[in-house]
Amino acid sequence: MIAIVDYGAGNPVSVKKALDWLAQECVITADPKCVAKADRIVLPGVGHFAATENLASTGLREGITNAIGGGTPFLGICVGMQWMFAQSQEAPQTSGLEIFSGECEHFPPEVKSPHVGWNQLELSTHSRLFQGIPSGSFAYFSHSFRVPMTADTVAGCEYGGKFSAAVERDHLFGVQFHPEKSGDVGLAVLRNFCTL
């Protein structure tokens, strides 16, 4: 069973519809015990980084951390991916999960922010999340803050400079774009996550 974490932000319903389309057993939940027992965890996210504070206050952060520590595959989407890093300039007082080092930063002033719409992915050849997906594929983005390129980046994107469109390490995955809104490419990413 896949737990889609509901912490009062993001769009868990659209993620569930995509997983339903893929015939995956999934549930939207705010119950830390349900999250801790799930076979896989998806953390969607839309909006302000400060919304992730709800994860700590509800016990969901602890449930997610325990599950990750036990080897449960985890996928963070948009703000969910950003939360996997130490912090964000959007809400400096809010701590991320610190799985990946680095800080989410605002787009430079020379480009329009938020970055909304379809953009190309430059894919790494060693990614399991993007297996079978050709580099140059398009995905749908909607965000004002970005993750810099890191050693864990498996997909880059160009908008006011290159940034991380996806990160991957062991059983931990993050995508800045919205796979549930990215057509066949997004469904392929979710299918790959469900079969890892």
C-alpha atoms as a PDB file:
ATOM      1  CA  MET A   1       0.000   0.000   0.000  1.00  0.00           C
ATOM      2  CA  ILE A   2       1.214   3.514  -0.884  1.00  0.00           C
ATOM      3  CA  ALA A   3       0.605   6.249   1.688  1.00  0.00           C
ATOM      4  CA  ILE A   4       0.000   9.678   0.160  1.00  0.00           C
ATOM      5  CA  VAL A   5       0.724  12.045   3.015  1.00  0.00           C
ATOM      6  CA  ASP A   6      -1.911  14.704   3.690  1.00  0.00           C
ATOM      7  CA  TYR A   7      -0.459  17.520   5.782  1.00  0.00           C
ATOM      8  CA  GLY A   8      -2.817  20.272   4.676  1.00  0.00           C
ATOM      9  CA  ALA A   9      -0.771  21.338   1.656  1.00  0.00           C
ATOM     10  CA  GLY A  10      -0.255  20.046  -1.833  1.00  0.00           C
ATOM     11  CA  ASN A  11      -2.752  18.231  -3.967  1.00  0.00           C
ATOM     12  CA  PRO A  12      -2.956  14.653  -2.709  1.00  0.00           C
ATOM     13  CA  VAL A  13      -6.153  13.953  -4.657  1.00  0.00           C
ATOM     14  CA  SER A  14      -4.504  14.466  -8.054  1.00  0.00           C
ATOM     15  CA  VAL A  15      -1.605  12.216  -7.012  1.00  0.00           C
ATOM     16  CA  LYS A  16      -4.102   9.543  -5.923  1.00  0.00           C
ATOM     17  CA  LYS A  17      -5.914   9.767  -9.266  1.00  0.00           C
ATOM     18  CA  ALA A  18      -2.638   9.166 -11.094  1.00  0.00           C
ATOM     19  CA  LEU A  19      -1.805   6.176  -8.886  1.00  0.00           C
ATOM     20  CA  ASP A  20      -5.351   4.851  -9.272  1.00  0.00           C
ATOM     21  CA  TRP A  21      -4.873   5.062 -13.050  1.00  0.00           C
ATOM     22  CA  LEU A  22      -1.767   2.905 -12.610  1.00  0.00           C
ATOM     23  CA  ALA A  23      -3.856   0.412 -10.582  1.00  0.00           C
ATOM     24  CA  GLN A  24      -1.783   0.977  -7.445  1.00  0.00           C
ATOM     25  CA  GLU A  25      -3.275   0.445  -4.005  1.00  0.00           C
ATOM     26  CA  CYS A  26      -2.983   3.807  -2.269  1.00  0.00           C
ATOM     27  CA  VAL A  27      -4.580   5.920   0.429  1.00  0.00           C
ATOM     28  CA  ILE A  28      -4.500   9.593   1.371  1.00  0.00           C
ATOM     29  CA  THR A  29      -3.694   9.749   5.064  1.00  0.00           C
ATOM     30  CA  ALA A  30      -2.722  12.095   7.880  1.00  0.00           C
ATOM     31  CA  ASP A  31      -2.212   9.184  10.300  1.00  0.00           C
ATOM     32  CA  PRO A  32       1.477   8.759  11.267  1.00  0.00           C
ATOM     33  CA  LYS A  33       0.873   5.068  12.091  1.00  0.00           C
ATOM     34  CA  CYS A  34      -0.523   4.412   8.616  1.00  0.00           C
ATOM     35  CA  VAL A  35       2.439   6.231   7.048  1.00  0.00           C
ATOM     36  CA  ALA A  36       4.931   4.274   9.150  1.00  0.00           C
ATOM     37  CA  LYS A  37       3.435   0.929   8.011  1.00  0.00           C
ATOM     38  CA  ALA A  38       3.128   1.776   4.299  1.00  0.00           C
ATOM     39  CA  ASP A  39       5.076  -0.076   1.601  1.00  0.00           C
ATOM     40  CA  ARG A  40       5.851   3.256  -0.096  1.00  0.00           C
ATOM     41  CA  ILE A  41       5.340   6.899   0.838  1.00  0.00           C
ATOM     42  CA  VAL A  42       4.558   9.858  -1.420  1.00  0.00           C
ATOM     43  CA  LEU A  43       4.748  13.398  -0.046  1.00  0.00           C
ATOM     44  CA  PRO A  44       3.087  15.855  -2.440  1.00  0.00           C
ATOM     45  CA  GLY A  45       3.526  19.571  -2.013  1.00  0.00           C
ATOM     46  CA  VAL A  46       2.211  22.850  -3.388  1.00  0.00           C
ATOM     47  CA  GLY A  47       2.644  26.289  -1.884  1.00  0.00           C
ATOM     48  CA  HIS A  48       4.837  27.656   0.867  1.00  0.00           C
ATOM     49  CA  PHE A  49       7.718  25.717   2.439  1.00  0.00           C
ATOM     50  CA  ALA A  50       6.462  26.728   5.908  1.00  0.00           C
ATOM     51  CA  ALA A  51       3.486  24.385   5.411  1.00  0.00           C
ATOM     52  CA  THR A  52       5.870  21.488   6.082  1.00  0.00           C
ATOM     53  CA  GLU A  53       5.891  22.548   9.750  1.00  0.00           C
ATOM     54  CA  ASN A  54       2.568  20.675   9.960  1.00  0.00           C
ATOM     55  CA  LEU A  55       4.514  17.445   9.467  1.00  0.00           C
ATOM     56  CA  ALA A  56       6.293  17.939  12.795  1.00  0.00           C
ATOM     57  CA  SER A  57       3.266  19.119  14.752  1.00  0.00           C
ATOM     58  CA  THR A  58       1.116  16.141  13.670  1.00  0.00           C
ATOM     59  CA  GLY A  59       3.713  13.413  14.198  1.00  0.00           C
ATOM     60  CA  LEU A  60       3.954  12.738  10.467  1.00  0.00           C
ATOM     61  CA  ARG A  61       7.597  13.809  10.333  1.00  0.00           C
ATOM     62  CA  GLU A  62       8.520  11.157  12.897  1.00  0.00           C
ATOM     63  CA  GLY A  63       6.469   8.518  11.080  1.00  0.00           C
ATOM     64  CA  ILE A  64       8.136   9.357   7.770  1.00  0.00           C
ATOM     65  CA  THR A  65      11.607   9.441   9.324  1.00  0.00           C
ATOM     66  CA  ASN A  66      11.108   6.044  10.959  1.00  0.00           C
ATOM     67  CA  ALA A  67       9.830   4.533   7.719  1.00  0.00           C
ATOM     68  CA  ILE A  68      12.726   5.948   5.711  1.00  0.00           C
ATOM     69  CA  GLY A  69      15.140   4.610   8.322  1.00  0.00           C
ATOM     70  CA  GLY A  70      13.578   1.184   7.828  1.00  0.00           C
ATOM     71  CA  GLY A  71      14.132   1.291   4.066  1.00  0.00           C
ATOM     72  CA  THR A  72      10.655   2.311   2.872  1.00  0.00           C
ATOM     73  CA  PRO A  73      10.826   3.953  -0.585  1.00  0.00           C
ATOM     74  CA  PHE A  74       9.940   7.652  -0.376  1.00  0.00           C
ATOM     75  CA  LEU A  75       9.007  10.138  -3.109  1.00  0.00           C
ATOM     76  CA  GLY A  76       8.814  13.870  -2.453  1.00  0.00           C
ATOM     77  CA  ILE A  77       6.994  15.998  -5.044  1.00  0.00           C
ATOM     78  CA  CYS A  78       7.620  19.770  -5.513  1.00  0.00           C
ATOM     79  CA  VAL A  79       7.703  21.212  -1.962  1.00  0.00           C
ATOM     80  CA  GLY A  80       7.878  17.580  -0.838  1.00  0.00           C
ATOM     81  CA  MET A  81      11.228  17.294  -2.627  1.00  0.00           C
ATOM     82  CA  GLN A  82      12.419  20.617  -1.196  1.00  0.00           C
ATOM     83  CA  TRP A  83      11.568  19.359   2.307  1.00  0.00           C
ATOM     84  CA  MET A  84      14.113  16.581   1.814  1.00  0.00           C
ATOM     85  CA  PHE A  85      16.836  19.253   1.946  1.00  0.00           C
ATOM     86  CA  ALA A  86      18.110  21.170   4.970  1.00  0.00           C
ATOM     87  CA  GLN A  87      16.055  24.325   4.473  1.00  0.00           C
ATOM     88  CA  SER A  88      14.636  26.861   2.058  1.00  0.00           C
ATOM     89  CA  GLN A  89      15.125  30.603   1.652  1.00  0.00           C
ATOM     90  CA  GLU A  90      11.328  30.761   1.455  1.00  0.00           C
ATOM     91  CA  ALA A  91      11.016  29.952   5.178  1.00  0.00           C
ATOM     92  CA  PRO A  92      14.479  30.019   6.810  1.00  0.00           C
ATOM     93  CA  GLN A  93      13.027  29.236  10.237  1.00  0.00           C
ATOM     94  CA  THR A  94      11.568  25.926   9.006  1.00  0.00           C
ATOM     95  CA  SER A  95      13.832  22.889   9.044  1.00  0.00           C
ATOM     96  CA  GLY A  96      13.761  20.346   6.271  1.00  0.00           C
ATOM     97  CA  LEU A  97      14.453  16.651   6.642  1.00  0.00           C
ATOM     98  CA  GLU A  98      18.177  17.117   5.813  1.00  0.00           C
ATOM     99  CA  ILE A  99      18.432  13.909   3.789  1.00  0.00           C
ATOM    100  CA  PHE A 100      20.218  15.923   1.120  1.00  0.00           C
ATOM    101  CA  SER A 101      22.565  18.795   1.895  1.00  0.00           C
ATOM    102  CA  GLY A 102      21.851  22.233   0.505  1.00  0.00           C
ATOM    103  CA  GLU A 103      19.318  25.036   0.594  1.00  0.00           C
ATOM    104  CA  CYS A 104      16.424  25.756  -1.736  1.00  0.00           C
ATOM    105  CA  GLU A 105      16.837  29.171  -3.315  1.00  0.00           C
ATOM    106  CA  HIS A 106      14.698  31.685  -5.175  1.00  0.00           C
ATOM    107  CA  PHE A 107      14.953  31.994  -8.932  1.00  0.00           C
ATOM    108  CA  PRO A 108      17.187  34.880 -10.054  1.00  0.00           C
ATOM    109  CA  PRO A 109      15.420  38.191 -10.765  1.00  0.00           C
ATOM    110  CA  GLU A 110      16.096  38.031 -14.508  1.00  0.00           C
ATOM    111  CA  VAL A 111      13.490  35.289 -15.000  1.00  0.00           C
ATOM    112  CA  LYS A 112       9.793  35.315 -14.242  1.00  0.00           C
ATOM    113  CA  SER A 113       8.864  33.604 -10.993  1.00  0.00           C
ATOM    114  CA  PRO A 114       7.094  31.299 -10.379  1.00  0.00           C
ATOM    115  CA  HIS A 115       8.403  28.939 -13.024  1.00  0.00           C
ATOM    116  CA  VAL A 116       5.148  27.542 -14.406  1.00  0.00           C
ATOM    117  CA  GLY A 117       4.647  25.255 -17.376  1.00  0.00           C
ATOM    118  CA  TRP A 118       6.386  22.550 -19.362  1.00  0.00           C
ATOM    119  CA  ASN A 119      10.160  22.310 -19.431  1.00  0.00           C
ATOM    120  CA  GLN A 120      12.742  19.787 -20.609  1.00  0.00           C
ATOM    121  CA  LEU A 121      14.542  17.323 -18.386  1.00  0.00           C
ATOM    122  CA  GLU A 122      18.227  16.548 -18.833  1.00  0.00           C
ATOM    123  CA  LEU A 123      18.437  13.042 -17.418  1.00  0.00           C
ATOM    124  CA  SER A 124      21.259  11.090 -15.850  1.00  0.00           C
ATOM    125  CA  THR A 125      21.933   7.648 -17.291  1.00  0.00           C
ATOM    126  CA  HIS A 126      22.064   5.935 -13.884  1.00  0.00           C
ATOM    127  CA  SER A 127      18.627   6.900 -12.535  1.00  0.00           C
ATOM    128  CA  ARG A 128      16.206   4.131 -11.602  1.00  0.00           C
ATOM    129  CA  LEU A 129      13.323   6.602 -11.291  1.00  0.00           C
ATOM    130  CA  PHE A 130      13.683   7.635 -14.952  1.00  0.00           C
ATOM    131  CA  GLN A 131      14.385   4.202 -16.387  1.00  0.00           C
ATOM    132  CA  GLY A 132      12.958   3.986 -19.908  1.00  0.00           C
ATOM    133  CA  ILE A 133      12.354   7.753 -20.134  1.00  0.00           C
ATOM    134  CA  PRO A 134      14.473   9.576 -22.743  1.00  0.00           C
ATOM    135  CA  SER A 135      16.477  12.667 -21.847  1.00  0.00           C
ATOM    136  CA  GLY A 136      14.821  15.756 -23.306  1.00  0.00           C
ATOM    137  CA  SER A 137      11.357  14.660 -22.163  1.00  0.00           C
ATOM    138  CA  PHE A 138       9.061  17.392 -20.893  1.00  0.00           C
ATOM    139  CA  ALA A 139       7.499  17.669 -17.434  1.00  0.00           C
ATOM    140  CA  TYR A 140       5.162  20.192 -15.832  1.00  0.00           C
ATOM    141  CA  PHE A 141       6.566  22.601 -13.207  1.00  0.00           C
ATOM    142  CA  SER A 142       5.004  25.148 -10.865  1.00  0.00           C
ATOM    143  CA  HIS A 143       7.411  26.594  -8.276  1.00  0.00           C
ATOM    144  CA  SER A 144       9.147  29.779  -7.104  1.00  0.00           C
ATOM    145  CA  PHE A 145      12.079  28.169  -5.301  1.00  0.00           C
ATOM    146  CA  ARG A 146      14.536  25.634  -6.628  1.00  0.00           C
ATOM    147  CA  VAL A 147      17.095  23.093  -5.489  1.00  0.00           C
ATOM    148  CA  PRO A 148      20.627  23.656  -6.819  1.00  0.00           C
ATOM    149  CA  MET A 149      22.462  20.924  -8.700  1.00  0.00           C
ATOM    150  CA  THR A 150      23.943  18.377  -6.285  1.00  0.00           C
ATOM    151  CA  ALA A 151      25.809  15.072  -6.344  1.00  0.00           C
ATOM    152  CA  ASP A 152      22.388  13.371  -5.984  1.00  0.00           C
ATOM    153  CA  THR A 153      20.798  15.142  -8.966  1.00  0.00           C
ATOM    154  CA  VAL A 154      19.505  12.705 -11.596  1.00  0.00           C
ATOM    155  CA  ALA A 155      17.557  15.244 -13.690  1.00  0.00           C
ATOM    156  CA  GLY A 156      18.427  18.850 -14.366  1.00  0.00           C
ATOM    157  CA  CYS A 157      16.355  21.628 -15.866  1.00  0.00           C
ATOM    158  CA  GLU A 158      17.260  25.038 -17.304  1.00  0.00           C
ATOM    159  CA  TYR A 159      15.439  28.167 -16.130  1.00  0.00           C
ATOM    160  CA  GLY A 160      17.530  31.119 -15.048  1.00  0.00           C
ATOM    161  CA  GLY A 161      20.404  28.646 -14.765  1.00  0.00           C
ATOM    162  CA  LYS A 162      20.381  24.918 -14.222  1.00  0.00           C
ATOM    163  CA  PHE A 163      18.613  23.457 -11.170  1.00  0.00           C
ATOM    164  CA  SER A 164      17.720  20.006  -9.863  1.00  0.00           C
ATOM    165  CA  ALA A 165      14.512  18.657 -11.357  1.00  0.00           C
ATOM    166  CA  ALA A 166      14.988  15.334  -9.546  1.00  0.00           C
ATOM    167  CA  VAL A 167      17.247  13.778  -6.929  1.00  0.00           C
ATOM    168  CA  GLU A 168      17.816  10.138  -6.047  1.00  0.00           C
ATOM    169  CA  ARG A 169      19.742   8.182  -3.451  1.00  0.00           C
ATOM    170  CA  ASP A 170      19.072   4.548  -2.597  1.00  0.00           C
ATOM    171  CA  HIS A 171      15.329   4.322  -1.776  1.00  0.00           C
ATOM    172  CA  LEU A 172      14.855   8.108  -1.597  1.00  0.00           C
ATOM    173  CA  PHE A 173      13.550  10.125  -4.537  1.00  0.00           C
ATOM    174  CA  GLY A 174      12.445  13.706  -5.127  1.00  0.00           C
ATOM    175  CA  VAL A 175      10.989  15.456  -8.168  1.00  0.00           C
ATOM    176  CA  GLN A 176      10.504  19.207  -8.469  1.00  0.00           C
ATOM    177  CA  PHE A 177       7.954  18.828 -11.254  1.00  0.00           C
ATOM    178  CA  HIS A 178       4.452  17.407 -10.825  1.00  0.00           C
ATOM    179  CA  PRO A 179       4.370  13.862 -12.235  1.00  0.00           C
ATOM    180  CA  GLU A 180       0.605  13.712 -11.736  1.00  0.00           C
ATOM    181  CA  LYS A 181       0.305  16.609 -14.229  1.00  0.00           C
ATOM    182  CA  SER A 182       3.087  15.553 -16.609  1.00  0.00           C
ATOM    183  CA  GLY A 183       1.213  13.183 -18.901  1.00  0.00           C
ATOM    184  CA  ASP A 184       2.852   9.944 -19.980  1.00  0.00           C
ATOM    185  CA  VAL A 185       6.273  10.987 -18.673  1.00  0.00           C
ATOM    186  CA  GLY A 186       4.875  11.644 -15.202  1.00  0.00           C
ATOM    187  CA  LEU A 187       2.961   8.376 -15.190  1.00  0.00           C
ATOM    188  CA  ALA A 188       6.149   6.549 -16.182  1.00  0.00           C
ATOM    189  CA  VAL A 189       8.003   8.157 -13.260  1.00  0.00           C
ATOM    190  CA  LEU A 190       5.259   7.116 -10.829  1.00  0.00           C
ATOM    191  CA  ARG A 191       5.156   3.598 -12.333  1.00  0.00           C
ATOM    192  CA  ASN A 192       8.906   3.273 -11.879  1.00  0.00           C
ATOM    193  CA  PHE A 193       8.634   4.414  -8.255  1.00  0.00           C
ATOM    194  CA  CYS A 194       5.904   1.855  -7.614  1.00  0.00           C
ATOM    195  CA  THR A 195       8.007  -0.998  -8.951  1.00  0.00           C
ATOM    196  CA  LEU A 196      11.344  -0.193  -7.284  1.00  0.00           C
END
